[in-house]
């Protein structure tokens, strides 16, 4: 992580915990918004106008938070509007690095070796974790946002006049319901698997474990009426937020994070739902299981020897 702009190696995921051993996720440090006219969004400063070619996304195929931003980028047809660079899934002593793994490119704007250099390019005194996704403004040479929940909202609406996209993943008539379900899915499932995996006490682990499976059971029940997506026949951002965790569940969270009551494959409605989303146009491009497994099983706090398991096959295609 960075402390006053200086990189320090003295950090592990389990360091972020409360007095009862519960994992605490750090809040995002950059919360500006791109809007159609450049007016300020719900947080941050104004001046970030939706323009063709102005912005760059730093992402990671292994990271669910980055993957949901990438998924919305593809669904909204923003590939020709916002350029993307993928970091290496293997965390180094200096955090995320560029190149050195299939599909991971050289940093194109400044020739940086590590993602933390992008952060200090934006703020020379930045303190905090260096995470993906990062949405970068090439014009002002600064980070717009490193909060994935904000980024997917920007991608959903800010560039519609640029791309002509009519897909709305956050429709007006469902917003209250989407916000409520997003909150539960985030707390209990998206972040819940991390709270189970990085818990440092038995009680913290069991609390998170039960919340994960209570949420999975609730989603399984919700889908049991035959609906295609969580809000019926319309794909929404909640589906994307759930999907990025579900697609990783059997591969890494079931074993490595000890969320092992059952596999997702043993939940018929959820597994069918996950396959349904995976089969949508362009979605499979956001899922690279080699990246996912090499990242998670490379976390020294959880797997000190770094041995990568061969199974399960799950949704994986040969890469």
C-alpha atoms as a PDB file:
ATOM      1  CA  UNK A   1       0.000   0.000   0.000  1.00  0.00           C
ATOM      2  CA  UNK A   2       0.975   3.657  -0.258  1.00  0.00           C
ATOM      3  CA  UNK A   3       1.685   5.891   2.725  1.00  0.00           C
ATOM      4  CA  UNK A   4       2.121   9.575   1.863  1.00  0.00           C
ATOM      5  CA  UNK A   5       3.014   8.608  -1.674  1.00  0.00           C
ATOM      6  CA  UNK A   6       5.629   6.037  -0.681  1.00  0.00           C
ATOM      7  CA  UNK A   7       5.167   2.343  -1.368  1.00  0.00           C
ATOM      8  CA  UNK A   8       5.351  -0.013   1.606  1.00  0.00           C
ATOM      9  CA  UNK A   9       5.404  -3.811   1.471  1.00  0.00           C
ATOM     10  CA  UNK A  10       4.279  -4.146   5.084  1.00  0.00           C
ATOM     11  CA  UNK A  11       0.627  -5.024   4.493  1.00  0.00           C
ATOM     12  CA  UNK A  12      -1.589  -8.087   4.115  1.00  0.00           C
ATOM     13  CA  UNK A  13      -5.370  -8.413   3.556  1.00  0.00           C
ATOM     14  CA  UNK A  14      -5.858  -9.672   7.116  1.00  0.00           C
ATOM     15  CA  UNK A  15      -4.385  -6.422   8.485  1.00  0.00           C
ATOM     16  CA  UNK A  16      -7.717  -4.665   7.846  1.00  0.00           C
ATOM     17  CA  UNK A  17      -9.755  -6.016  10.746  1.00  0.00           C
ATOM     18  CA  UNK A  18     -11.796  -4.910  13.720  1.00  0.00           C
ATOM     19  CA  UNK A  19     -11.350  -5.944  17.355  1.00  0.00           C
ATOM     20  CA  UNK A  20     -13.317  -9.170  16.743  1.00  0.00           C
ATOM     21  CA  UNK A  21     -11.247 -10.292  13.772  1.00  0.00           C
ATOM     22  CA  UNK A  22     -13.730  -9.185  11.111  1.00  0.00           C
ATOM     23  CA  UNK A  23     -12.270  -8.144   7.751  1.00  0.00           C
ATOM     24  CA  UNK A  24     -12.866  -4.444   7.007  1.00  0.00           C
ATOM     25  CA  UNK A  25     -12.712  -3.250   3.396  1.00  0.00           C
ATOM     26  CA  UNK A  26     -11.035   0.090   2.777  1.00  0.00           C
ATOM     27  CA  UNK A  27     -13.202   2.790   1.210  1.00  0.00           C
ATOM     28  CA  UNK A  28     -12.310   4.114  -2.225  1.00  0.00           C
ATOM     29  CA  UNK A  29     -10.022   7.148  -2.266  1.00  0.00           C
ATOM     30  CA  UNK A  30     -11.212   8.748  -5.522  1.00  0.00           C
ATOM     31  CA  UNK A  31     -14.932   9.434  -6.019  1.00  0.00           C
ATOM     32  CA  UNK A  32     -15.355  11.826  -8.958  1.00  0.00           C
ATOM     33  CA  UNK A  33     -17.960  11.207 -11.653  1.00  0.00           C
ATOM     34  CA  UNK A  34     -18.035  11.459 -15.431  1.00  0.00           C
ATOM     35  CA  UNK A  35     -21.306  12.994 -16.590  1.00  0.00           C
ATOM     36  CA  UNK A  36     -22.743  13.892 -19.989  1.00  0.00           C
ATOM     37  CA  UNK A  37     -22.248  17.627 -19.391  1.00  0.00           C
ATOM     38  CA  UNK A  38     -19.379  17.588 -16.895  1.00  0.00           C
ATOM     39  CA  UNK A  39     -21.437  18.706 -13.911  1.00  0.00           C
ATOM     40  CA  UNK A  40     -20.496  17.158 -10.588  1.00  0.00           C
ATOM     41  CA  UNK A  41     -21.946  13.776  -9.720  1.00  0.00           C
ATOM     42  CA  UNK A  42     -23.149  12.582  -6.299  1.00  0.00           C
ATOM     43  CA  UNK A  43     -19.581  12.973  -4.969  1.00  0.00           C
ATOM     44  CA  UNK A  44     -16.399  14.693  -6.083  1.00  0.00           C
ATOM     45  CA  UNK A  45     -15.657  17.603  -8.385  1.00  0.00           C
ATOM     46  CA  UNK A  46     -17.120  18.705 -11.696  1.00  0.00           C
ATOM     47  CA  UNK A  47     -15.334  18.906 -15.033  1.00  0.00           C
ATOM     48  CA  UNK A  48     -15.292  15.257 -16.116  1.00  0.00           C
ATOM     49  CA  UNK A  49     -17.217  15.333 -19.390  1.00  0.00           C
ATOM     50  CA  UNK A  50     -18.119  12.160 -21.276  1.00  0.00           C
ATOM     51  CA  UNK A  51     -15.922  12.346 -24.363  1.00  0.00           C
ATOM     52  CA  UNK A  52     -14.724   9.843 -26.925  1.00  0.00           C
ATOM     53  CA  UNK A  53     -11.194   8.608 -26.165  1.00  0.00           C
ATOM     54  CA  UNK A  54     -10.612  10.753 -23.077  1.00  0.00           C
ATOM     55  CA  UNK A  55     -10.676   8.026 -20.425  1.00  0.00           C
ATOM     56  CA  UNK A  56      -8.719   4.855 -19.683  1.00  0.00           C
ATOM     57  CA  UNK A  57      -9.655   1.926 -17.457  1.00  0.00           C
ATOM     58  CA  UNK A  58      -7.062  -0.057 -15.522  1.00  0.00           C
ATOM     59  CA  UNK A  59      -8.608  -3.438 -14.798  1.00  0.00           C
ATOM     60  CA  UNK A  60      -7.813  -7.015 -13.783  1.00  0.00           C
ATOM     61  CA  UNK A  61      -9.537 -10.121 -15.098  1.00  0.00           C
ATOM     62  CA  UNK A  62      -9.173 -11.802 -11.717  1.00  0.00           C
ATOM     63  CA  UNK A  63     -10.798  -9.024  -9.665  1.00  0.00           C
ATOM     64  CA  UNK A  64     -14.616  -9.119  -9.294  1.00  0.00           C
ATOM     65  CA  UNK A  65     -14.792  -5.362  -8.678  1.00  0.00           C
ATOM     66  CA  UNK A  66     -12.840  -4.597 -11.856  1.00  0.00           C
ATOM     67  CA  UNK A  67     -14.760  -7.265 -13.759  1.00  0.00           C
ATOM     68  CA  UNK A  68     -18.116  -5.657 -13.058  1.00  0.00           C
ATOM     69  CA  UNK A  69     -16.820  -2.374 -14.478  1.00  0.00           C
ATOM     70  CA  UNK A  70     -15.448  -4.220 -17.505  1.00  0.00           C
ATOM     71  CA  UNK A  71     -18.730  -6.097 -17.961  1.00  0.00           C
ATOM     72  CA  UNK A  72     -20.777  -2.892 -18.064  1.00  0.00           C
ATOM     73  CA  UNK A  73     -18.218  -1.305 -20.401  1.00  0.00           C
ATOM     74  CA  UNK A  74     -18.771  -4.175 -22.857  1.00  0.00           C
ATOM     75  CA  UNK A  75     -22.553  -4.298 -22.439  1.00  0.00           C
ATOM     76  CA  UNK A  76     -22.784  -0.565 -23.117  1.00  0.00           C
ATOM     77  CA  UNK A  77     -20.573  -0.719 -26.204  1.00  0.00           C
ATOM     78  CA  UNK A  78     -17.826   1.464 -24.770  1.00  0.00           C
ATOM     79  CA  UNK A  79     -14.841  -0.501 -26.096  1.00  0.00           C
ATOM     80  CA  UNK A  80     -14.067   2.122 -28.750  1.00  0.00           C
ATOM     81  CA  UNK A  81     -14.678   4.997 -26.347  1.00  0.00           C
ATOM     82  CA  UNK A  82     -12.664   3.957 -23.282  1.00  0.00           C
ATOM     83  CA  UNK A  83      -9.325   2.175 -23.617  1.00  0.00           C
ATOM     84  CA  UNK A  84      -8.418  -0.625 -21.182  1.00  0.00           C
ATOM     85  CA  UNK A  85      -5.208  -2.060 -19.740  1.00  0.00           C
ATOM     86  CA  UNK A  86      -5.127  -5.272 -17.690  1.00  0.00           C
ATOM     87  CA  UNK A  87      -2.698  -5.756 -14.828  1.00  0.00           C
ATOM     88  CA  UNK A  88      -0.902  -8.993 -14.000  1.00  0.00           C
ATOM     89  CA  UNK A  89      -3.031 -11.162 -11.663  1.00  0.00           C
ATOM     90  CA  UNK A  90      -0.010 -12.149  -9.568  1.00  0.00           C
ATOM     91  CA  UNK A  91       0.480  -9.634  -6.767  1.00  0.00           C
ATOM     92  CA  UNK A  92       4.127  -8.630  -6.334  1.00  0.00           C
ATOM     93  CA  UNK A  93       6.014  -6.974  -3.478  1.00  0.00           C
ATOM     94  CA  UNK A  94       4.962  -3.705  -5.122  1.00  0.00           C
ATOM     95  CA  UNK A  95       1.347  -4.703  -5.654  1.00  0.00           C
ATOM     96  CA  UNK A  96      -0.245  -4.835  -9.089  1.00  0.00           C
ATOM     97  CA  UNK A  97       2.239  -4.794 -11.975  1.00  0.00           C
ATOM     98  CA  UNK A  98       1.924  -4.525 -15.731  1.00  0.00           C
ATOM     99  CA  UNK A  99       2.914  -7.193 -18.284  1.00  0.00           C
ATOM    100  CA  UNK A 100       4.338 -10.631 -17.535  1.00  0.00           C
ATOM    101  CA  UNK A 101       1.142 -12.696 -17.872  1.00  0.00           C
ATOM    102  CA  UNK A 102      -1.095 -13.590 -20.847  1.00  0.00           C
ATOM    103  CA  UNK A 103      -3.356 -10.681 -21.927  1.00  0.00           C
ATOM    104  CA  UNK A 104      -1.553  -8.242 -19.606  1.00  0.00           C
ATOM    105  CA  UNK A 105      -0.134  -5.352 -21.539  1.00  0.00           C
ATOM    106  CA  UNK A 106       2.563  -2.744 -21.115  1.00  0.00           C
ATOM    107  CA  UNK A 107       1.236   0.391 -19.405  1.00  0.00           C
ATOM    108  CA  UNK A 108       0.431   2.536 -22.483  1.00  0.00           C
ATOM    109  CA  UNK A 109       0.279   6.098 -21.187  1.00  0.00           C
ATOM    110  CA  UNK A 110       3.439   6.612 -19.125  1.00  0.00           C
ATOM    111  CA  UNK A 111       5.383   3.358 -19.325  1.00  0.00           C
ATOM    112  CA  UNK A 112       4.821   2.607 -15.640  1.00  0.00           C
ATOM    113  CA  UNK A 113       5.817  -0.770 -14.219  1.00  0.00           C
ATOM    114  CA  UNK A 114       3.344  -0.808 -11.307  1.00  0.00           C
ATOM    115  CA  UNK A 115      -0.193   0.430 -10.710  1.00  0.00           C
ATOM    116  CA  UNK A 116       0.847   2.359  -7.593  1.00  0.00           C
ATOM    117  CA  UNK A 117       2.688   4.732  -9.957  1.00  0.00           C
ATOM    118  CA  UNK A 118      -0.674   5.623 -11.517  1.00  0.00           C
ATOM    119  CA  UNK A 119      -1.978   6.539  -8.062  1.00  0.00           C
ATOM    120  CA  UNK A 120       0.965   8.788  -7.235  1.00  0.00           C
ATOM    121  CA  UNK A 121       0.799  10.356 -10.697  1.00  0.00           C
ATOM    122  CA  UNK A 122      -2.673  11.509  -9.670  1.00  0.00           C
ATOM    123  CA  UNK A 123      -1.828  12.328  -6.026  1.00  0.00           C
ATOM    124  CA  UNK A 124       1.806  12.442  -4.932  1.00  0.00           C
ATOM    125  CA  UNK A 125       0.812  12.154  -1.254  1.00  0.00           C
ATOM    126  CA  UNK A 126      -1.795   9.405  -1.592  1.00  0.00           C
ATOM    127  CA  UNK A 127      -2.178   7.010   1.342  1.00  0.00           C
ATOM    128  CA  UNK A 128      -4.144   3.784   1.083  1.00  0.00           C
ATOM    129  CA  UNK A 129      -4.428   0.526  -0.779  1.00  0.00           C
ATOM    130  CA  UNK A 130      -3.787   0.439  -4.516  1.00  0.00           C
ATOM    131  CA  UNK A 131      -6.767  -1.306  -6.089  1.00  0.00           C
ATOM    132  CA  UNK A 132      -8.506  -1.915  -9.395  1.00  0.00           C
ATOM    133  CA  UNK A 133     -10.547  -0.760 -11.190  1.00  0.00           C
ATOM    134  CA  UNK A 134      -9.061   2.667 -11.799  1.00  0.00           C
ATOM    135  CA  UNK A 135     -10.751   5.086 -14.190  1.00  0.00           C
ATOM    136  CA  UNK A 136      -8.178   7.576 -15.505  1.00  0.00           C
ATOM    137  CA  UNK A 137      -8.653  10.946 -17.205  1.00  0.00           C
ATOM    138  CA  UNK A 138      -6.012  11.335 -19.925  1.00  0.00           C
ATOM    139  CA  UNK A 139      -6.795  15.040 -20.367  1.00  0.00           C
ATOM    140  CA  UNK A 140      -6.277  16.115 -16.756  1.00  0.00           C
ATOM    141  CA  UNK A 141      -3.896  13.244 -15.958  1.00  0.00           C
ATOM    142  CA  UNK A 142      -5.699  12.182 -12.813  1.00  0.00           C
ATOM    143  CA  UNK A 143      -7.815   9.392 -11.396  1.00  0.00           C
ATOM    144  CA  UNK A 144     -11.536   9.977 -11.807  1.00  0.00           C
ATOM    145  CA  UNK A 145     -12.617   7.072  -9.607  1.00  0.00           C
ATOM    146  CA  UNK A 146     -11.447   3.810  -8.081  1.00  0.00           C
ATOM    147  CA  UNK A 147     -14.919   2.864  -6.808  1.00  0.00           C
ATOM    148  CA  UNK A 148     -16.448   0.167  -9.020  1.00  0.00           C
ATOM    149  CA  UNK A 149     -20.035   0.853  -7.896  1.00  0.00           C
ATOM    150  CA  UNK A 150     -19.698   4.444  -9.126  1.00  0.00           C
ATOM    151  CA  UNK A 151     -17.910   3.438 -12.332  1.00  0.00           C
ATOM    152  CA  UNK A 152     -20.678   1.092 -13.453  1.00  0.00           C
ATOM    153  CA  UNK A 153     -23.242   3.861 -12.922  1.00  0.00           C
ATOM    154  CA  UNK A 154     -21.135   6.241 -15.015  1.00  0.00           C
ATOM    155  CA  UNK A 155     -20.750   3.690 -17.778  1.00  0.00           C
ATOM    156  CA  UNK A 156     -24.499   3.031 -17.719  1.00  0.00           C
ATOM    157  CA  UNK A 157     -25.586   6.579 -18.463  1.00  0.00           C
ATOM    158  CA  UNK A 158     -22.850   9.173 -19.004  1.00  0.00           C
ATOM    159  CA  UNK A 159     -21.804   8.109 -22.506  1.00  0.00           C
ATOM    160  CA  UNK A 160     -25.223   7.361 -24.023  1.00  0.00           C
ATOM    161  CA  UNK A 161     -25.078  10.376 -26.327  1.00  0.00           C
ATOM    162  CA  UNK A 162     -21.607   9.332 -27.458  1.00  0.00           C
ATOM    163  CA  UNK A 163     -22.433   5.672 -28.148  1.00  0.00           C
ATOM    164  CA  UNK A 164     -26.166   5.755 -28.784  1.00  0.00           C
ATOM    165  CA  UNK A 165     -26.676   2.865 -26.357  1.00  0.00           C
ATOM    166  CA  UNK A 166     -30.235   2.424 -25.089  1.00  0.00           C
ATOM    167  CA  UNK A 167     -29.519  -0.354 -22.584  1.00  0.00           C
ATOM    168  CA  UNK A 168     -30.372   0.821 -19.065  1.00  0.00           C
ATOM    169  CA  UNK A 169     -29.011  -1.295 -16.218  1.00  0.00           C
ATOM    170  CA  UNK A 170     -30.380   1.112 -13.585  1.00  0.00           C
ATOM    171  CA  UNK A 171     -33.940   1.887 -14.779  1.00  0.00           C
ATOM    172  CA  UNK A 172     -35.862   4.586 -12.957  1.00  0.00           C
ATOM    173  CA  UNK A 173     -38.783   2.361 -11.951  1.00  0.00           C
ATOM    174  CA  UNK A 174     -36.515  -0.215 -10.260  1.00  0.00           C
ATOM    175  CA  UNK A 175     -33.943   2.019  -8.615  1.00  0.00           C
ATOM    176  CA  UNK A 176     -35.220   1.727  -5.061  1.00  0.00           C
ATOM    177  CA  UNK A 177     -35.405  -2.066  -5.323  1.00  0.00           C
ATOM    178  CA  UNK A 178     -32.017  -2.280  -7.046  1.00  0.00           C
ATOM    179  CA  UNK A 179     -30.377  -0.190  -4.325  1.00  0.00           C
ATOM    180  CA  UNK A 180     -31.858  -2.381  -1.599  1.00  0.00           C
ATOM    181  CA  UNK A 181     -30.829  -5.682  -3.198  1.00  0.00           C
ATOM    182  CA  UNK A 182     -27.406  -4.307  -4.160  1.00  0.00           C
ATOM    183  CA  UNK A 183     -26.774  -3.512  -0.505  1.00  0.00           C
ATOM    184  CA  UNK A 184     -27.665  -7.021   0.656  1.00  0.00           C
ATOM    185  CA  UNK A 185     -25.691  -8.715  -2.130  1.00  0.00           C
ATOM    186  CA  UNK A 186     -22.649  -6.554  -1.441  1.00  0.00           C
ATOM    187  CA  UNK A 187     -22.636  -6.962   2.332  1.00  0.00           C
ATOM    188  CA  UNK A 188     -23.453 -10.656   2.469  1.00  0.00           C
ATOM    189  CA  UNK A 189     -22.032 -12.082  -0.759  1.00  0.00           C
ATOM    190  CA  UNK A 190     -19.637  -9.838  -2.707  1.00  0.00           C
ATOM    191  CA  UNK A 191     -17.788  -8.685   0.385  1.00  0.00           C
ATOM    192  CA  UNK A 192     -19.086 -11.571   2.488  1.00  0.00           C
ATOM    193  CA  UNK A 193     -16.796 -14.119   0.854  1.00  0.00           C
ATOM    194  CA  UNK A 194     -13.836 -11.874   1.676  1.00  0.00           C
ATOM    195  CA  UNK A 195     -15.020 -11.493   5.259  1.00  0.00           C
ATOM    196  CA  UNK A 196     -15.064 -15.283   5.516  1.00  0.00           C
ATOM    197  CA  UNK A 197     -11.736 -15.770   3.767  1.00  0.00           C
ATOM    198  CA  UNK A 198      -9.820 -13.086   5.648  1.00  0.00           C
ATOM    199  CA  UNK A 199     -11.429 -13.559   9.069  1.00  0.00           C
ATOM    200  CA  UNK A 200      -8.839 -13.957  11.822  1.00  0.00           C
ATOM    201  CA  UNK A 201     -11.145 -15.431  14.476  1.00  0.00           C
ATOM    202  CA  UNK A 202     -13.531 -18.376  14.406  1.00  0.00           C
ATOM    203  CA  UNK A 203     -16.507 -16.233  15.357  1.00  0.00           C
ATOM    204  CA  UNK A 204     -15.833 -13.704  12.585  1.00  0.00           C
ATOM    205  CA  UNK A 205     -15.492 -16.499  10.046  1.00  0.00           C
ATOM    206  CA  UNK A 206     -18.705 -18.236  11.110  1.00  0.00           C
ATOM    207  CA  UNK A 207     -20.643 -14.967  11.074  1.00  0.00           C
ATOM    208  CA  UNK A 208     -19.524 -14.266   7.494  1.00  0.00           C
ATOM    209  CA  UNK A 209     -20.004 -17.886   6.384  1.00  0.00           C
ATOM    210  CA  UNK A 210     -23.634 -17.944   7.516  1.00  0.00           C
ATOM    211  CA  UNK A 211     -24.312 -14.565   5.862  1.00  0.00           C
ATOM    212  CA  UNK A 212     -22.873 -15.799   2.546  1.00  0.00           C
ATOM    213  CA  UNK A 213     -25.096 -18.861   2.442  1.00  0.00           C
ATOM    214  CA  UNK A 214     -28.173 -17.038   3.712  1.00  0.00           C
ATOM    215  CA  UNK A 215     -27.757 -14.667   0.758  1.00  0.00           C
ATOM    216  CA  UNK A 216     -27.182 -17.494  -1.704  1.00  0.00           C
ATOM    217  CA  UNK A 217     -30.298 -19.247  -0.401  1.00  0.00           C
ATOM    218  CA  UNK A 218     -32.316 -16.047  -0.776  1.00  0.00           C
ATOM    219  CA  UNK A 219     -31.168 -15.610  -4.384  1.00  0.00           C
ATOM    220  CA  UNK A 220     -31.863 -19.269  -5.137  1.00  0.00           C
ATOM    221  CA  UNK A 221     -35.400 -18.854  -3.810  1.00  0.00           C
ATOM    222  CA  UNK A 222     -35.894 -15.602  -5.754  1.00  0.00           C
ATOM    223  CA  UNK A 223     -34.957 -17.323  -9.021  1.00  0.00           C
ATOM    224  CA  UNK A 224     -37.057 -20.418  -8.361  1.00  0.00           C
ATOM    225  CA  UNK A 225     -40.153 -18.871  -9.967  1.00  0.00           C
ATOM    226  CA  UNK A 226     -38.533 -19.175 -13.396  1.00  0.00           C
ATOM    227  CA  UNK A 227     -37.492 -15.556 -13.892  1.00  0.00           C
ATOM    228  CA  UNK A 228     -34.415 -15.001 -16.079  1.00  0.00           C
ATOM    229  CA  UNK A 229     -32.819 -12.304 -13.935  1.00  0.00           C
ATOM    230  CA  UNK A 230     -33.165 -10.982 -10.407  1.00  0.00           C
ATOM    231  CA  UNK A 231     -35.788  -8.410 -11.394  1.00  0.00           C
ATOM    232  CA  UNK A 232     -37.626 -10.518 -13.935  1.00  0.00           C
ATOM    233  CA  UNK A 233     -36.728 -10.381 -17.622  1.00  0.00           C
ATOM    234  CA  UNK A 234     -34.646  -7.206 -17.470  1.00  0.00           C
ATOM    235  CA  UNK A 235     -30.910  -7.429 -16.886  1.00  0.00           C
ATOM    236  CA  UNK A 236     -29.834  -4.864 -14.283  1.00  0.00           C
ATOM    237  CA  UNK A 237     -26.641  -3.835 -12.524  1.00  0.00           C
ATOM    238  CA  UNK A 238     -27.619  -6.106  -9.615  1.00  0.00           C
ATOM    239  CA  UNK A 239     -27.257  -9.108 -11.900  1.00  0.00           C
ATOM    240  CA  UNK A 240     -23.774  -7.976 -12.880  1.00  0.00           C
ATOM    241  CA  UNK A 241     -22.794  -7.406  -9.252  1.00  0.00           C
ATOM    242  CA  UNK A 242     -24.014 -10.862  -8.250  1.00  0.00           C
ATOM    243  CA  UNK A 243     -22.540 -12.584 -11.305  1.00  0.00           C
ATOM    244  CA  UNK A 244     -18.918 -11.563 -10.694  1.00  0.00           C
ATOM    245  CA  UNK A 245     -18.953 -13.341  -7.331  1.00  0.00           C
ATOM    246  CA  UNK A 246     -21.015 -16.328  -8.463  1.00  0.00           C
ATOM    247  CA  UNK A 247     -18.740 -17.086 -11.427  1.00  0.00           C
ATOM    248  CA  UNK A 248     -15.760 -17.263  -9.037  1.00  0.00           C
ATOM    249  CA  UNK A 249     -17.503 -19.173  -6.285  1.00  0.00           C
ATOM    250  CA  UNK A 250     -16.690 -22.794  -7.076  1.00  0.00           C
ATOM    251  CA  UNK A 251     -13.246 -21.926  -8.427  1.00  0.00           C
ATOM    252  CA  UNK A 252     -11.890 -20.044  -5.415  1.00  0.00           C
ATOM    253  CA  UNK A 253     -14.357 -19.001  -2.713  1.00  0.00           C
ATOM    254  CA  UNK A 254     -15.652 -22.498  -1.922  1.00  0.00           C
ATOM    255  CA  UNK A 255     -12.193 -23.867  -1.112  1.00  0.00           C
ATOM    256  CA  UNK A 256      -9.691 -21.084  -0.495  1.00  0.00           C
ATOM    257  CA  UNK A 257     -12.135 -18.797   1.340  1.00  0.00           C
ATOM    258  CA  UNK A 258     -13.741 -21.701   3.246  1.00  0.00           C
ATOM    259  CA  UNK A 259     -17.261 -20.975   1.950  1.00  0.00           C
ATOM    260  CA  UNK A 260     -17.773 -24.705   1.670  1.00  0.00           C
ATOM    261  CA  UNK A 261     -21.315 -25.630   2.702  1.00  0.00           C
ATOM    262  CA  UNK A 262     -21.943 -26.494  -0.927  1.00  0.00           C
ATOM    263  CA  UNK A 263     -20.803 -25.662  -4.432  1.00  0.00           C
ATOM    264  CA  UNK A 264     -22.757 -23.231  -6.561  1.00  0.00           C
ATOM    265  CA  UNK A 265     -23.151 -26.121  -9.005  1.00  0.00           C
ATOM    266  CA  UNK A 266     -25.338 -27.799  -6.362  1.00  0.00           C
ATOM    267  CA  UNK A 267     -27.818 -24.900  -6.404  1.00  0.00           C
ATOM    268  CA  UNK A 268     -29.859 -25.483  -9.572  1.00  0.00           C
ATOM    269  CA  UNK A 269     -31.449 -22.064 -10.046  1.00  0.00           C
ATOM    270  CA  UNK A 270     -28.335 -20.045  -9.211  1.00  0.00           C
ATOM    271  CA  UNK A 271     -26.056 -22.183 -11.338  1.00  0.00           C
ATOM    272  CA  UNK A 272     -28.454 -21.932 -14.301  1.00  0.00           C
ATOM    273  CA  UNK A 273     -28.701 -18.173 -13.749  1.00  0.00           C
ATOM    274  CA  UNK A 274     -24.919 -17.820 -13.694  1.00  0.00           C
ATOM    275  CA  UNK A 275     -24.622 -19.797 -16.926  1.00  0.00           C
ATOM    276  CA  UNK A 276     -27.369 -17.640 -18.463  1.00  0.00           C
ATOM    277  CA  UNK A 277     -25.429 -14.449 -17.795  1.00  0.00           C
ATOM    278  CA  UNK A 278     -22.130 -16.030 -18.844  1.00  0.00           C
ATOM    279  CA  UNK A 279     -23.731 -16.884 -22.204  1.00  0.00           C
ATOM    280  CA  UNK A 280     -24.773 -13.282 -22.935  1.00  0.00           C
ATOM    281  CA  UNK A 281     -22.848 -11.578 -25.754  1.00  0.00           C
ATOM    282  CA  UNK A 282     -19.365 -10.411 -24.670  1.00  0.00           C
ATOM    283  CA  UNK A 283     -19.734 -11.547 -21.045  1.00  0.00           C
ATOM    284  CA  UNK A 284     -17.425 -14.530 -21.448  1.00  0.00           C
ATOM    285  CA  UNK A 285     -14.704 -12.086 -22.550  1.00  0.00           C
ATOM    286  CA  UNK A 286     -14.622 -10.692 -19.000  1.00  0.00           C
ATOM    287  CA  UNK A 287     -13.988 -14.086 -17.352  1.00  0.00           C
ATOM    288  CA  UNK A 288     -10.481 -15.574 -17.468  1.00  0.00           C
ATOM    289  CA  UNK A 289     -10.176 -18.460 -15.044  1.00  0.00           C
ATOM    290  CA  UNK A 290      -6.415 -18.716 -15.371  1.00  0.00           C
ATOM    291  CA  UNK A 291      -6.149 -15.142 -14.104  1.00  0.00           C
ATOM    292  CA  UNK A 292      -8.645 -15.801 -11.309  1.00  0.00           C
ATOM    293  CA  UNK A 293      -6.906 -18.888  -9.953  1.00  0.00           C
ATOM    294  CA  UNK A 294      -3.365 -17.513 -10.231  1.00  0.00           C
ATOM    295  CA  UNK A 295      -4.396 -14.391  -8.341  1.00  0.00           C
ATOM    296  CA  UNK A 296      -6.354 -15.879  -5.472  1.00  0.00           C
ATOM    297  CA  UNK A 297      -4.078 -18.857  -4.906  1.00  0.00           C
ATOM    298  CA  UNK A 298      -1.161 -16.439  -5.044  1.00  0.00           C
ATOM    299  CA  UNK A 299      -2.357 -14.645  -1.878  1.00  0.00           C
ATOM    300  CA  UNK A 300       0.402 -15.600   0.546  1.00  0.00           C
ATOM    301  CA  UNK A 301      -1.734 -15.026   3.636  1.00  0.00           C
ATOM    302  CA  UNK A 302      -4.084 -17.788   2.464  1.00  0.00           C
ATOM    303  CA  UNK A 303      -1.810 -20.032   0.387  1.00  0.00           C
ATOM    304  CA  UNK A 304       1.816 -19.486   1.413  1.00  0.00           C
ATOM    305  CA  UNK A 305       3.240 -22.142  -0.918  1.00  0.00           C
ATOM    306  CA  UNK A 306       1.441 -20.742  -3.958  1.00  0.00           C
ATOM    307  CA  UNK A 307       0.311 -24.106  -5.334  1.00  0.00           C
ATOM    308  CA  UNK A 308      -2.429 -23.633  -7.968  1.00  0.00           C
ATOM    309  CA  UNK A 309      -5.173 -26.311  -7.879  1.00  0.00           C
ATOM    310  CA  UNK A 310      -6.123 -28.106 -11.081  1.00  0.00           C
ATOM    311  CA  UNK A 311      -9.884 -28.209 -10.448  1.00  0.00           C
ATOM    312  CA  UNK A 312     -12.753 -27.655 -10.484  1.00  0.00           C
ATOM    313  CA  UNK A 313     -13.522 -27.152 -14.156  1.00  0.00           C
ATOM    314  CA  UNK A 314     -16.773 -25.282 -13.423  1.00  0.00           C
ATOM    315  CA  UNK A 315     -17.584 -22.759 -16.138  1.00  0.00           C
ATOM    316  CA  UNK A 316     -14.002 -22.646 -17.400  1.00  0.00           C
ATOM    317  CA  UNK A 317     -13.159 -22.910 -21.044  1.00  0.00           C
ATOM    318  CA  UNK A 318      -9.662 -23.675 -22.266  1.00  0.00           C
ATOM    319  CA  UNK A 319      -7.654 -20.467 -22.365  1.00  0.00           C
END
